Amino acid sequence: MDSHSHAHHGHDHGPIPLENAPPGYRRVLWIALAVNAAMFLLEIGGGLSSGSVSLLADAIDFLGDAANYGLSLAVLSMGAVARARAAMVKAVSMLVFGAAVLGRAGWAVISGAPPEPITMGVVGLLALLSNVGVGMLLYAYREGDANMRSVWLCTRNDAIGNIAVLAAALGVLGTGTRWPDLAVAAVMGGLALSAGISVTRQVRQELAHAKRA
């Protein structure tokens, strides 16, 4: 539980006074939005051409993040309730994404040839580099409200996912089977579900606090 999210009024004592979000934060969000939109297009192409479920999962994740950054920019100067509701939209999108990836991986178990590992590896590496870059920019803002926290969590999970995609590419290359790819896709789906649940809890606290304030 976040002690500061309801122990204080967010507008005067919070870790970052968000009514005037840090000056650099908006610029960082724009950079993150552009990087994620570009990586979504690259990974969709790579996922479809290589037949990799984990790359497609990562691509959908980039799309969700691009939408999240756009949403965060839209509500940056709004009140606590609007920002908490936006974070709830993100939480729901993470839950839907997690369920969709698990479903797609399940479908691939029944029907699917092993993916093409070289494409997986190259695209996965580019994705990792872009996420590490965005993560370094966002790291300073990770202790904000549910909105800022969800942006940071998304990026952190993405970098973990990218490393897993690279491991899957090596696994596919080594074994000649699709199981490493499907295992990673399943883990990514699970990560999205747990992050969605975590942000949902924090949003509930912030909404309850905003009603009392």
N, C-alpha and C. Protein backbone atom coordinates (compact mmCIF):
# COMPACT_ATOMS: atom_id res chain seq x y z
N MET A 1 0.84 -1.21 0.00
CA MET A 1 0.00 0.00 0.00
C MET A 1 0.87 1.25 0.00
N ASP A 2 0.43 2.26 -0.69
CA ASP A 2 1.21 3.47 -0.79
C ASP A 2 0.89 4.39 0.38
N SER A 3 1.82 4.56 1.30
CA SER A 3 1.51 5.33 2.49
C SER A 3 1.19 6.78 2.14
N HIS A 4 1.94 7.35 1.19
CA HIS A 4 1.72 8.78 0.93
C HIS A 4 0.46 9.04 0.12
N SER A 5 -0.13 8.01 -0.52
CA SER A 5 -1.24 8.31 -1.42
C SER A 5 -2.49 8.70 -0.65
N HIS A 6 -2.62 8.28 0.62
CA HIS A 6 -3.77 8.77 1.35
C HIS A 6 -3.41 9.38 2.71
N ALA A 7 -2.14 9.30 3.10
CA ALA A 7 -1.75 9.90 4.37
C ALA A 7 -1.69 11.43 4.25
N HIS A 8 -1.44 11.92 3.06
CA HIS A 8 -1.35 13.37 2.86
C HIS A 8 -2.31 13.79 1.75
N HIS A 9 -2.51 15.10 1.67
CA HIS A 9 -3.18 15.62 0.49
C HIS A 9 -2.16 15.68 -0.63
N GLY A 10 -2.44 15.00 -1.76
CA GLY A 10 -1.48 14.92 -2.84
C GLY A 10 -1.03 16.27 -3.34
N HIS A 11 -1.93 17.30 -3.21
CA HIS A 11 -1.58 18.58 -3.82
C HIS A 11 -0.55 19.36 -3.02
N ASP A 12 -0.37 19.05 -1.72
CA ASP A 12 0.63 19.82 -1.01
C ASP A 12 1.82 19.00 -0.52
N HIS A 13 1.61 17.72 -0.18
CA HIS A 13 2.72 16.95 0.38
C HIS A 13 3.21 15.81 -0.50
N GLY A 14 2.53 15.54 -1.61
CA GLY A 14 2.88 14.36 -2.40
C GLY A 14 4.34 14.38 -2.83
N PRO A 15 4.87 13.25 -3.25
CA PRO A 15 6.28 13.20 -3.64
C PRO A 15 6.62 14.18 -4.76
N ILE A 16 5.64 14.41 -5.66
CA ILE A 16 5.81 15.43 -6.71
C ILE A 16 4.49 16.18 -6.77
N PRO A 17 4.49 17.53 -6.60
CA PRO A 17 3.22 18.26 -6.67
C PRO A 17 2.72 18.26 -8.12
N LEU A 18 1.69 17.45 -8.40
CA LEU A 18 1.35 17.18 -9.80
C LEU A 18 0.49 18.23 -10.45
N GLU A 19 -0.09 19.13 -9.65
CA GLU A 19 -0.86 20.20 -10.30
C GLU A 19 0.08 21.02 -11.19
N ASN A 20 1.36 21.09 -10.77
CA ASN A 20 2.36 21.66 -11.68
C ASN A 20 3.40 20.57 -11.90
N ALA A 21 3.08 19.65 -12.79
CA ALA A 21 3.96 18.50 -13.07
C ALA A 21 5.35 19.01 -13.42
N PRO A 22 6.39 18.25 -13.11
CA PRO A 22 7.76 18.70 -13.37
C PRO A 22 7.92 19.17 -14.81
N PRO A 23 8.64 20.28 -15.02
CA PRO A 23 8.72 20.86 -16.37
C PRO A 23 9.20 19.89 -17.44
N GLY A 24 10.14 19.02 -17.10
CA GLY A 24 10.66 18.10 -18.12
C GLY A 24 9.73 16.94 -18.44
N TYR A 25 8.73 16.71 -17.58
CA TYR A 25 7.93 15.48 -17.70
C TYR A 25 7.13 15.43 -19.00
N ARG A 26 6.55 16.58 -19.38
CA ARG A 26 5.74 16.61 -20.61
C ARG A 26 6.60 16.27 -21.83
N ARG A 27 7.81 16.84 -21.87
CA ARG A 27 8.70 16.58 -23.00
C ARG A 27 9.09 15.10 -23.05
N VAL A 28 9.38 14.54 -21.87
CA VAL A 28 9.75 13.12 -21.80
C VAL A 28 8.59 12.26 -22.31
N LEU A 29 7.36 12.62 -21.94
CA LEU A 29 6.20 11.85 -22.41
C LEU A 29 6.06 11.91 -23.93
N TRP A 30 6.32 13.08 -24.52
CA TRP A 30 6.23 13.21 -25.99
C TRP A 30 7.28 12.31 -26.67
N ILE A 31 8.50 12.32 -26.12
CA ILE A 31 9.55 11.46 -26.68
C ILE A 31 9.13 9.99 -26.58
N ALA A 32 8.63 9.62 -25.40
CA ALA A 32 8.20 8.23 -25.16
C ALA A 32 7.08 7.84 -26.12
N LEU A 33 6.15 8.76 -26.35
CA LEU A 33 5.03 8.50 -27.27
C LEU A 33 5.54 8.22 -28.68
N ALA A 34 6.47 9.05 -29.16
CA ALA A 34 7.00 8.88 -30.51
C ALA A 34 7.77 7.57 -30.65
N VAL A 35 8.61 7.26 -29.67
CA VAL A 35 9.41 6.03 -29.71
C VAL A 35 8.51 4.79 -29.72
N ASN A 36 7.49 4.80 -28.85
CA ASN A 36 6.60 3.64 -28.75
C ASN A 36 5.76 3.44 -30.00
N ALA A 37 5.30 4.54 -30.60
CA ALA A 37 4.51 4.42 -31.83
C ALA A 37 5.37 3.82 -32.96
N ALA A 38 6.61 4.28 -33.07
CA ALA A 38 7.52 3.76 -34.10
C ALA A 38 7.83 2.28 -33.86
N MET A 39 8.07 1.90 -32.60
CA MET A 39 8.40 0.51 -32.29
C MET A 39 7.21 -0.41 -32.50
N PHE A 40 6.00 0.10 -32.28
CA PHE A 40 4.80 -0.70 -32.54
C PHE A 40 4.78 -1.13 -34.01
N LEU A 41 5.00 -0.16 -34.91
CA LEU A 41 4.96 -0.46 -36.35
C LEU A 41 6.06 -1.46 -36.72
N LEU A 42 7.26 -1.25 -36.16
CA LEU A 42 8.38 -2.15 -36.46
C LEU A 42 8.11 -3.57 -35.96
N GLU A 43 7.58 -3.67 -34.74
CA GLU A 43 7.37 -5.00 -34.16
C GLU A 43 6.19 -5.74 -34.78
N ILE A 44 5.16 -5.02 -35.17
CA ILE A 44 4.04 -5.68 -35.86
C ILE A 44 4.57 -6.31 -37.15
N GLY A 45 5.38 -5.53 -37.89
CA GLY A 45 5.99 -6.06 -39.12
C GLY A 45 6.86 -7.27 -38.83
N GLY A 46 7.72 -7.15 -37.80
CA GLY A 46 8.62 -8.24 -37.44
C GLY A 46 7.87 -9.47 -36.95
N GLY A 47 6.82 -9.24 -36.16
CA GLY A 47 6.03 -10.35 -35.61
C GLY A 47 5.29 -11.11 -36.70
N LEU A 48 4.70 -10.35 -37.64
CA LEU A 48 3.95 -11.00 -38.72
C LEU A 48 4.89 -11.73 -39.68
N SER A 49 6.05 -11.12 -39.98
CA SER A 49 6.95 -11.77 -40.95
C SER A 49 7.67 -12.97 -40.34
N SER A 50 7.94 -12.94 -39.02
CA SER A 50 8.66 -14.06 -38.41
C SER A 50 7.72 -15.12 -37.83
N GLY A 51 6.44 -14.75 -37.64
CA GLY A 51 5.49 -15.68 -37.03
C GLY A 51 5.67 -15.81 -35.53
N SER A 52 6.25 -14.78 -34.89
CA SER A 52 6.51 -14.85 -33.45
C SER A 52 5.38 -14.25 -32.62
N VAL A 53 4.79 -15.06 -31.74
CA VAL A 53 3.73 -14.55 -30.85
C VAL A 53 4.29 -13.56 -29.84
N SER A 54 5.51 -13.82 -29.34
CA SER A 54 6.07 -12.91 -28.33
C SER A 54 6.37 -11.54 -28.93
N LEU A 55 6.79 -11.49 -30.20
CA LEU A 55 7.00 -10.18 -30.85
C LEU A 55 5.68 -9.45 -31.05
N LEU A 56 4.64 -10.18 -31.46
CA LEU A 56 3.32 -9.56 -31.62
C LEU A 56 2.83 -9.04 -30.27
N ALA A 57 3.06 -9.83 -29.21
CA ALA A 57 2.67 -9.41 -27.87
C ALA A 57 3.38 -8.12 -27.50
N ASP A 58 4.67 -8.06 -27.80
CA ASP A 58 5.46 -6.87 -27.51
C ASP A 58 4.96 -5.68 -28.32
N ALA A 59 4.57 -5.93 -29.57
CA ALA A 59 4.06 -4.86 -30.43
C ALA A 59 2.77 -4.27 -29.86
N ILE A 60 1.86 -5.15 -29.43
CA ILE A 60 0.60 -4.66 -28.86
C ILE A 60 0.90 -3.84 -27.60
N ASP A 61 1.91 -4.29 -26.86
CA ASP A 61 2.34 -3.58 -25.66
C ASP A 61 2.82 -2.17 -26.01
N PHE A 62 3.62 -2.04 -27.06
CA PHE A 62 4.09 -0.71 -27.51
C PHE A 62 2.91 0.18 -27.90
N LEU A 63 1.92 -0.41 -28.59
CA LEU A 63 0.74 0.37 -28.99
C LEU A 63 0.01 0.88 -27.74
N GLY A 64 -0.18 -0.04 -26.76
CA GLY A 64 -0.84 0.35 -25.52
C GLY A 64 -0.09 1.46 -24.81
N ASP A 65 1.24 1.36 -24.81
CA ASP A 65 2.05 2.38 -24.15
C ASP A 65 1.95 3.72 -24.86
N ALA A 66 1.97 3.70 -26.20
CA ALA A 66 1.84 4.95 -26.95
C ALA A 66 0.52 5.63 -26.57
N ALA A 67 -0.55 4.82 -26.50
CA ALA A 67 -1.85 5.36 -26.09
C ALA A 67 -1.79 5.89 -24.66
N ASN A 68 -1.08 5.15 -23.79
CA ASN A 68 -0.95 5.58 -22.40
C ASN A 68 -0.24 6.92 -22.28
N TYR A 69 0.86 7.07 -23.03
CA TYR A 69 1.59 8.33 -22.96
C TYR A 69 0.72 9.48 -23.47
N GLY A 70 -0.04 9.22 -24.53
CA GLY A 70 -0.96 10.24 -25.05
C GLY A 70 -1.99 10.62 -24.00
N LEU A 71 -2.53 9.61 -23.31
CA LEU A 71 -3.52 9.83 -22.27
C LEU A 71 -2.91 10.62 -21.11
N SER A 72 -1.69 10.26 -20.73
CA SER A 72 -1.02 10.99 -19.64
C SER A 72 -0.81 12.45 -20.00
N LEU A 73 -0.43 12.71 -21.26
CA LEU A 73 -0.25 14.10 -21.70
C LEU A 73 -1.57 14.86 -21.65
N ALA A 74 -2.65 14.17 -22.03
CA ALA A 74 -3.96 14.82 -22.07
C ALA A 74 -4.43 15.23 -20.67
N VAL A 75 -4.11 14.42 -19.65
CA VAL A 75 -4.63 14.70 -18.31
C VAL A 75 -3.59 15.32 -17.37
N LEU A 76 -2.42 15.64 -17.90
CA LEU A 76 -1.32 16.09 -17.06
C LEU A 76 -1.70 17.30 -16.20
N SER A 77 -2.45 18.24 -16.79
CA SER A 77 -2.76 19.45 -16.04
C SER A 77 -4.14 19.39 -15.39
N MET A 78 -4.82 18.23 -15.49
CA MET A 78 -6.15 18.10 -14.89
C MET A 78 -6.05 17.74 -13.41
N GLY A 79 -7.19 17.70 -12.75
CA GLY A 79 -7.24 17.40 -11.32
C GLY A 79 -6.96 15.93 -11.03
N ALA A 80 -6.85 15.62 -9.74
CA ALA A 80 -6.48 14.28 -9.30
C ALA A 80 -7.48 13.22 -9.77
N VAL A 81 -8.77 13.55 -9.76
CA VAL A 81 -9.78 12.55 -10.12
C VAL A 81 -9.66 12.19 -11.60
N ALA A 82 -9.49 13.20 -12.46
CA ALA A 82 -9.35 12.94 -13.90
C ALA A 82 -8.11 12.10 -14.17
N ARG A 83 -7.01 12.40 -13.46
CA ARG A 83 -5.79 11.64 -13.68
C ARG A 83 -5.94 10.20 -13.19
N ALA A 84 -6.62 10.03 -12.07
CA ALA A 84 -6.83 8.67 -11.54
C ALA A 84 -7.72 7.87 -12.50
N ARG A 85 -8.73 8.51 -13.07
CA ARG A 85 -9.61 7.80 -14.03
C ARG A 85 -8.84 7.40 -15.28
N ALA A 86 -7.94 8.29 -15.72
CA ALA A 86 -7.10 7.96 -16.89
C ALA A 86 -6.22 6.76 -16.57
N ALA A 87 -5.68 6.73 -15.34
CA ALA A 87 -4.85 5.59 -14.94
C ALA A 87 -5.68 4.31 -14.92
N MET A 88 -6.98 4.43 -14.57
CA MET A 88 -7.85 3.25 -14.57
C MET A 88 -8.04 2.72 -15.99
N VAL A 89 -8.15 3.63 -16.98
CA VAL A 89 -8.24 3.21 -18.38
C VAL A 89 -6.99 2.40 -18.75
N LYS A 90 -5.83 2.88 -18.30
CA LYS A 90 -4.59 2.17 -18.58
C LYS A 90 -4.57 0.80 -17.93
N ALA A 91 -5.04 0.75 -16.68
CA ALA A 91 -5.04 -0.52 -15.96
C ALA A 91 -5.90 -1.55 -16.70
N VAL A 92 -7.08 -1.10 -17.15
CA VAL A 92 -7.97 -2.00 -17.89
C VAL A 92 -7.31 -2.45 -19.19
N SER A 93 -6.60 -1.51 -19.87
CA SER A 93 -5.94 -1.88 -21.14
C SER A 93 -4.84 -2.91 -20.89
N MET A 94 -4.14 -2.80 -19.75
CA MET A 94 -3.11 -3.79 -19.42
C MET A 94 -3.74 -5.16 -19.19
N LEU A 95 -4.89 -5.18 -18.51
CA LEU A 95 -5.58 -6.44 -18.24
C LEU A 95 -6.06 -7.09 -19.54
N VAL A 96 -6.64 -6.26 -20.43
CA VAL A 96 -7.12 -6.77 -21.72
C VAL A 96 -5.96 -7.30 -22.55
N PHE A 97 -4.86 -6.54 -22.57
CA PHE A 97 -3.66 -6.96 -23.31
C PHE A 97 -3.16 -8.31 -22.80
N GLY A 98 -3.09 -8.45 -21.47
CA GLY A 98 -2.61 -9.70 -20.88
C GLY A 98 -3.46 -10.88 -21.30
N ALA A 99 -4.78 -10.70 -21.24
CA ALA A 99 -5.70 -11.77 -21.61
C ALA A 99 -5.57 -12.11 -23.10
N ALA A 100 -5.42 -11.07 -23.94
CA ALA A 100 -5.33 -11.29 -25.40
C ALA A 100 -4.07 -12.07 -25.76
N VAL A 101 -2.95 -11.73 -25.12
CA VAL A 101 -1.69 -12.42 -25.41
C VAL A 101 -1.77 -13.89 -25.00
N LEU A 102 -2.33 -14.13 -23.81
CA LEU A 102 -2.46 -15.52 -23.35
C LEU A 102 -3.34 -16.32 -24.32
N GLY A 103 -4.41 -15.68 -24.80
CA GLY A 103 -5.29 -16.34 -25.76
C GLY A 103 -4.57 -16.65 -27.08
N ARG A 104 -3.79 -15.68 -27.56
CA ARG A 104 -3.06 -15.85 -28.83
C ARG A 104 -2.01 -16.95 -28.69
N ALA A 105 -1.34 -16.99 -27.55
CA ALA A 105 -0.33 -18.04 -27.31
C ALA A 105 -1.01 -19.41 -27.28
N GLY A 106 -2.17 -19.47 -26.65
CA GLY A 106 -2.92 -20.73 -26.59
C GLY A 106 -3.31 -21.21 -27.98
N TRP A 107 -3.73 -20.25 -28.82
CA TRP A 107 -4.12 -20.60 -30.18
C TRP A 107 -2.91 -21.13 -30.96
N ALA A 108 -1.74 -20.51 -30.74
CA ALA A 108 -0.52 -20.92 -31.46
C ALA A 108 -0.05 -22.31 -31.04
N VAL A 109 -0.41 -22.73 -29.82
CA VAL A 109 -0.05 -24.07 -29.36
C VAL A 109 -0.70 -25.11 -30.29
N ILE A 110 -1.96 -24.81 -30.65
CA ILE A 110 -2.73 -25.75 -31.48
C ILE A 110 -2.25 -25.70 -32.93
N SER A 111 -2.04 -24.47 -33.44
CA SER A 111 -1.70 -24.33 -34.86
C SER A 111 -0.55 -23.37 -35.01
N GLY A 112 0.62 -23.85 -35.33
CA GLY A 112 1.70 -22.89 -35.54
C GLY A 112 3.04 -23.56 -35.72
N ALA A 113 3.79 -23.06 -36.70
CA ALA A 113 5.15 -23.52 -36.92
C ALA A 113 6.08 -22.68 -36.06
N PRO A 114 7.31 -23.13 -35.83
CA PRO A 114 8.26 -22.30 -35.06
C PRO A 114 8.50 -20.96 -35.76
N PRO A 115 8.63 -19.87 -35.01
CA PRO A 115 8.91 -18.57 -35.63
C PRO A 115 10.33 -18.51 -36.17
N GLU A 116 10.60 -17.45 -36.91
CA GLU A 116 11.93 -17.27 -37.52
C GLU A 116 12.79 -16.48 -36.53
N PRO A 117 13.82 -17.14 -35.94
CA PRO A 117 14.50 -16.54 -34.77
C PRO A 117 15.37 -15.33 -35.06
N ILE A 118 15.94 -15.23 -36.26
CA ILE A 118 16.85 -14.09 -36.53
C ILE A 118 16.07 -12.77 -36.52
N THR A 119 14.93 -12.76 -37.23
CA THR A 119 14.07 -11.56 -37.22
C THR A 119 13.65 -11.23 -35.79
N MET A 120 13.24 -12.27 -35.06
CA MET A 120 12.84 -12.07 -33.66
C MET A 120 13.95 -11.39 -32.87
N GLY A 121 15.17 -11.88 -33.03
CA GLY A 121 16.30 -11.36 -32.26
C GLY A 121 16.63 -9.92 -32.60
N VAL A 122 16.67 -9.61 -33.90
CA VAL A 122 17.03 -8.25 -34.33
C VAL A 122 15.98 -7.23 -33.87
N VAL A 123 14.70 -7.56 -34.11
CA VAL A 123 13.62 -6.64 -33.72
C VAL A 123 13.55 -6.53 -32.20
N GLY A 124 13.74 -7.67 -31.51
CA GLY A 124 13.71 -7.66 -30.04
C GLY A 124 14.81 -6.78 -29.46
N LEU A 125 15.99 -6.81 -30.08
CA LEU A 125 17.11 -5.99 -29.60
C LEU A 125 16.82 -4.50 -29.79
N LEU A 126 16.28 -4.13 -30.96
CA LEU A 126 15.91 -2.73 -31.20
C LEU A 126 14.87 -2.26 -30.19
N ALA A 127 13.91 -3.14 -29.89
CA ALA A 127 12.87 -2.81 -28.93
C ALA A 127 13.47 -2.59 -27.54
N LEU A 128 14.40 -3.45 -27.16
CA LEU A 128 15.04 -3.32 -25.85
C LEU A 128 15.78 -1.99 -25.73
N LEU A 129 16.56 -1.66 -26.76
CA LEU A 129 17.33 -0.40 -26.73
C LEU A 129 16.40 0.80 -26.61
N SER A 130 15.28 0.78 -27.34
CA SER A 130 14.36 1.92 -27.28
C SER A 130 13.71 2.02 -25.90
N ASN A 131 13.34 0.88 -25.32
CA ASN A 131 12.71 0.91 -23.99
C ASN A 131 13.68 1.33 -22.89
N VAL A 132 14.92 0.88 -22.98
CA VAL A 132 15.92 1.28 -21.98
C VAL A 132 16.10 2.80 -22.04
N GLY A 133 16.14 3.34 -23.26
CA GLY A 133 16.27 4.80 -23.42
C GLY A 133 15.10 5.55 -22.78
N VAL A 134 13.88 5.09 -23.08
CA VAL A 134 12.68 5.74 -22.51
C VAL A 134 12.66 5.56 -21.00
N GLY A 135 13.02 4.36 -20.54
CA GLY A 135 13.04 4.09 -19.10
C GLY A 135 14.00 5.01 -18.35
N MET A 136 15.15 5.28 -18.95
CA MET A 136 16.12 6.18 -18.31
C MET A 136 15.55 7.59 -18.20
N LEU A 137 14.80 8.01 -19.21
CA LEU A 137 14.18 9.34 -19.17
C LEU A 137 13.08 9.40 -18.09
N LEU A 138 12.32 8.31 -17.95
CA LEU A 138 11.17 8.30 -17.03
C LEU A 138 11.55 8.00 -15.58
N TYR A 139 12.74 7.46 -15.37
CA TYR A 139 13.13 6.96 -14.04
C TYR A 139 12.96 8.03 -12.96
N ALA A 140 13.29 9.26 -13.29
CA ALA A 140 13.23 10.35 -12.30
C ALA A 140 11.80 10.63 -11.85
N TYR A 141 10.81 10.21 -12.64
CA TYR A 141 9.41 10.56 -12.33
C TYR A 141 8.62 9.36 -11.82
N ARG A 142 9.31 8.29 -11.40
CA ARG A 142 8.61 7.04 -11.10
C ARG A 142 7.81 7.09 -9.81
N GLU A 143 8.05 8.10 -8.94
CA GLU A 143 7.39 8.12 -7.63
C GLU A 143 6.15 9.01 -7.57
N GLY A 144 5.60 9.39 -8.70
CA GLY A 144 4.44 10.28 -8.71
C GLY A 144 3.14 9.57 -8.37
N ASP A 145 2.02 10.10 -8.88
CA ASP A 145 0.71 9.49 -8.62
C ASP A 145 0.53 8.23 -9.46
N ALA A 146 -0.68 7.66 -9.45
CA ALA A 146 -0.93 6.40 -10.17
C ALA A 146 -0.60 6.54 -11.66
N ASN A 147 -0.85 7.73 -12.20
CA ASN A 147 -0.60 7.96 -13.62
C ASN A 147 0.89 7.87 -13.94
N MET A 148 1.69 8.60 -13.18
CA MET A 148 3.14 8.59 -13.42
C MET A 148 3.71 7.21 -13.12
N ARG A 149 3.17 6.58 -12.08
CA ARG A 149 3.64 5.26 -11.69
C ARG A 149 3.34 4.24 -12.79
N SER A 150 2.14 4.34 -13.39
CA SER A 150 1.76 3.37 -14.42
C SER A 150 2.62 3.54 -15.67
N VAL A 151 2.99 4.79 -15.98
CA VAL A 151 3.86 5.05 -17.13
C VAL A 151 5.23 4.40 -16.90
N TRP A 152 5.76 4.58 -15.69
CA TRP A 152 7.06 3.98 -15.36
C TRP A 152 6.98 2.45 -15.38
N LEU A 153 5.91 1.90 -14.76
CA LEU A 153 5.76 0.44 -14.71
C LEU A 153 5.66 -0.16 -16.11
N CYS A 154 4.90 0.51 -16.98
CA CYS A 154 4.76 0.03 -18.37
C CYS A 154 6.12 -0.10 -19.03
N THR A 155 6.93 0.95 -18.88
CA THR A 155 8.23 0.97 -19.54
C THR A 155 9.16 -0.08 -18.96
N ARG A 156 9.13 -0.22 -17.64
CA ARG A 156 9.97 -1.22 -16.99
C ARG A 156 9.57 -2.64 -17.45
N ASN A 157 8.27 -2.90 -17.47
CA ASN A 157 7.79 -4.21 -17.91
C ASN A 157 8.18 -4.48 -19.37
N ASP A 158 8.14 -3.42 -20.17
CA ASP A 158 8.50 -3.58 -21.59
C ASP A 158 9.95 -4.03 -21.73
N ALA A 159 10.84 -3.41 -20.96
CA ALA A 159 12.26 -3.77 -21.06
C ALA A 159 12.46 -5.23 -20.64
N ILE A 160 11.75 -5.65 -19.58
CA ILE A 160 11.81 -7.05 -19.15
C ILE A 160 11.30 -7.95 -20.28
N GLY A 161 10.19 -7.52 -20.90
CA GLY A 161 9.61 -8.28 -22.02
C GLY A 161 10.57 -8.41 -23.19
N ASN A 162 11.29 -7.31 -23.50
CA ASN A 162 12.24 -7.34 -24.62
C ASN A 162 13.36 -8.34 -24.37
N ILE A 163 13.87 -8.34 -23.13
CA ILE A 163 14.94 -9.30 -22.79
C ILE A 163 14.41 -10.72 -22.96
N ALA A 164 13.15 -10.92 -22.54
CA ALA A 164 12.53 -12.24 -22.67
C ALA A 164 12.36 -12.64 -24.15
N VAL A 165 12.01 -11.67 -25.01
CA VAL A 165 11.87 -11.96 -26.44
C VAL A 165 13.22 -12.41 -27.01
N LEU A 166 14.30 -11.73 -26.59
CA LEU A 166 15.64 -12.12 -27.05
C LEU A 166 15.97 -13.54 -26.60
N ALA A 167 15.62 -13.85 -25.35
CA ALA A 167 15.85 -15.20 -24.83
C ALA A 167 15.04 -16.22 -25.63
N ALA A 168 13.81 -15.84 -25.97
CA ALA A 168 12.95 -16.73 -26.76
C ALA A 168 13.54 -16.98 -28.14
N ALA A 169 14.09 -15.91 -28.75
CA ALA A 169 14.71 -16.05 -30.08
C ALA A 169 15.86 -17.05 -30.01
N LEU A 170 16.68 -16.95 -28.96
CA LEU A 170 17.79 -17.90 -28.78
C LEU A 170 17.25 -19.31 -28.56
N GLY A 171 16.18 -19.41 -27.78
CA GLY A 171 15.57 -20.71 -27.50
C GLY A 171 15.02 -21.37 -28.75
N VAL A 172 14.36 -20.57 -29.59
CA VAL A 172 13.80 -21.08 -30.85
C VAL A 172 14.94 -21.53 -31.77
N LEU A 173 15.99 -20.70 -31.80
CA LEU A 173 17.15 -21.01 -32.64
C LEU A 173 17.80 -22.32 -32.18
N GLY A 174 17.91 -22.48 -30.86
CA GLY A 174 18.58 -23.66 -30.31
C GLY A 174 17.75 -24.94 -30.40
N THR A 175 16.42 -24.80 -30.21
CA THR A 175 15.59 -26.01 -30.13
C THR A 175 14.85 -26.31 -31.42
N GLY A 176 14.68 -25.30 -32.28
CA GLY A 176 13.91 -25.50 -33.51
C GLY A 176 12.42 -25.68 -33.24
N THR A 177 11.96 -25.33 -32.01
CA THR A 177 10.53 -25.45 -31.70
C THR A 177 9.95 -24.08 -31.37
N ARG A 178 8.63 -24.01 -31.28
CA ARG A 178 7.97 -22.73 -30.98
C ARG A 178 7.78 -22.51 -29.48
N TRP A 179 8.12 -23.52 -28.62
CA TRP A 179 7.81 -23.40 -27.19
C TRP A 179 8.47 -22.22 -26.49
N PRO A 180 9.75 -21.90 -26.78
CA PRO A 180 10.33 -20.72 -26.08
C PRO A 180 9.53 -19.44 -26.39
N ASP A 181 9.10 -19.30 -27.63
CA ASP A 181 8.32 -18.13 -28.04
C ASP A 181 7.00 -18.06 -27.27
N LEU A 182 6.32 -19.20 -27.19
CA LEU A 182 5.02 -19.24 -26.51
C LEU A 182 5.16 -19.04 -25.01
N ALA A 183 6.23 -19.59 -24.44
CA ALA A 183 6.45 -19.42 -22.99
C ALA A 183 6.65 -17.95 -22.65
N VAL A 184 7.43 -17.25 -23.48
CA VAL A 184 7.68 -15.83 -23.24
C VAL A 184 6.40 -15.02 -23.43
N ALA A 185 5.63 -15.34 -24.46
CA ALA A 185 4.36 -14.64 -24.68
C ALA A 185 3.45 -14.81 -23.46
N ALA A 186 3.43 -16.01 -22.89
CA ALA A 186 2.60 -16.27 -21.71
C ALA A 186 3.07 -15.46 -20.50
N VAL A 187 4.40 -15.38 -20.31
CA VAL A 187 4.95 -14.59 -19.20
C VAL A 187 4.59 -13.11 -19.38
N MET A 188 4.69 -12.61 -20.62
CA MET A 188 4.37 -11.20 -20.89
C MET A 188 2.89 -10.92 -20.60
N GLY A 189 2.05 -11.87 -20.97
CA GLY A 189 0.63 -11.72 -20.66
C GLY A 189 0.41 -11.65 -19.16
N GLY A 190 1.12 -12.51 -18.42
CA GLY A 190 1.01 -12.53 -16.96
C GLY A 190 1.50 -11.23 -16.32
N LEU A 191 2.62 -10.70 -16.83
CA LEU A 191 3.16 -9.43 -16.33
C LEU A 191 2.14 -8.30 -16.51
N ALA A 192 1.50 -8.26 -17.68
CA ALA A 192 0.51 -7.22 -17.95
C ALA A 192 -0.66 -7.33 -16.98
N LEU A 193 -1.10 -8.55 -16.72
CA LEU A 193 -2.22 -8.75 -15.78
C LEU A 193 -1.84 -8.26 -14.38
N SER A 194 -0.63 -8.61 -13.91
CA SER A 194 -0.26 -8.21 -12.55
C SER A 194 -0.07 -6.70 -12.45
N ALA A 195 0.50 -6.07 -13.50
CA ALA A 195 0.67 -4.61 -13.48
C ALA A 195 -0.70 -3.93 -13.49
N GLY A 196 -1.63 -4.46 -14.29
CA GLY A 196 -2.98 -3.90 -14.35
C GLY A 196 -3.66 -3.94 -12.99
N ILE A 197 -3.50 -5.04 -12.28
CA ILE A 197 -4.12 -5.19 -10.95
C ILE A 197 -3.48 -4.20 -9.96
N SER A 198 -2.14 -4.06 -10.03
CA SER A 198 -1.42 -3.16 -9.13
C SER A 198 -1.87 -1.70 -9.33
N VAL A 199 -1.97 -1.26 -10.60
CA VAL A 199 -2.39 0.13 -10.87
C VAL A 199 -3.85 0.33 -10.46
N THR A 200 -4.70 -0.69 -10.68
CA THR A 200 -6.11 -0.60 -10.30
C THR A 200 -6.24 -0.33 -8.80
N ARG A 201 -5.44 -1.03 -8.00
CA ARG A 201 -5.47 -0.83 -6.54
C ARG A 201 -5.10 0.60 -6.17
N GLN A 202 -4.03 1.10 -6.80
CA GLN A 202 -3.59 2.46 -6.46
C GLN A 202 -4.62 3.49 -6.89
N VAL A 203 -5.26 3.27 -8.05
CA VAL A 203 -6.29 4.20 -8.52
C VAL A 203 -7.45 4.26 -7.52
N ARG A 204 -7.85 3.09 -7.02
CA ARG A 204 -8.96 3.04 -6.05
C ARG A 204 -8.62 3.89 -4.82
N GLN A 205 -7.37 3.75 -4.33
CA GLN A 205 -6.93 4.55 -3.17
C GLN A 205 -6.99 6.04 -3.48
N GLU A 206 -6.49 6.42 -4.67
CA GLU A 206 -6.44 7.84 -5.01
C GLU A 206 -7.84 8.43 -5.20
N LEU A 207 -8.75 7.65 -5.79
CA LEU A 207 -10.13 8.13 -5.97
C LEU A 207 -10.81 8.30 -4.60
N ALA A 208 -10.58 7.33 -3.71
CA ALA A 208 -11.18 7.42 -2.37
C ALA A 208 -10.62 8.63 -1.64
N HIS A 209 -9.33 8.87 -1.79
CA HIS A 209 -8.68 10.01 -1.15
C HIS A 209 -9.21 11.32 -1.73
N ALA A 210 -9.38 11.35 -3.07
CA ALA A 210 -9.88 12.59 -3.72
C ALA A 210 -11.30 12.92 -3.25
N LYS A 211 -12.10 11.89 -3.03
CA LYS A 211 -13.49 12.12 -2.56
C LYS A 211 -13.49 12.70 -1.14
N ARG A 212 -12.52 12.22 -0.32
CA ARG A 212 -12.46 12.72 1.07
C ARG A 212 -11.85 14.13 1.16
N ALA A 213 -10.98 14.44 0.20
CA ALA A 213 -10.23 15.71 0.27
C ALA A 213 -11.15 16.91 0.16
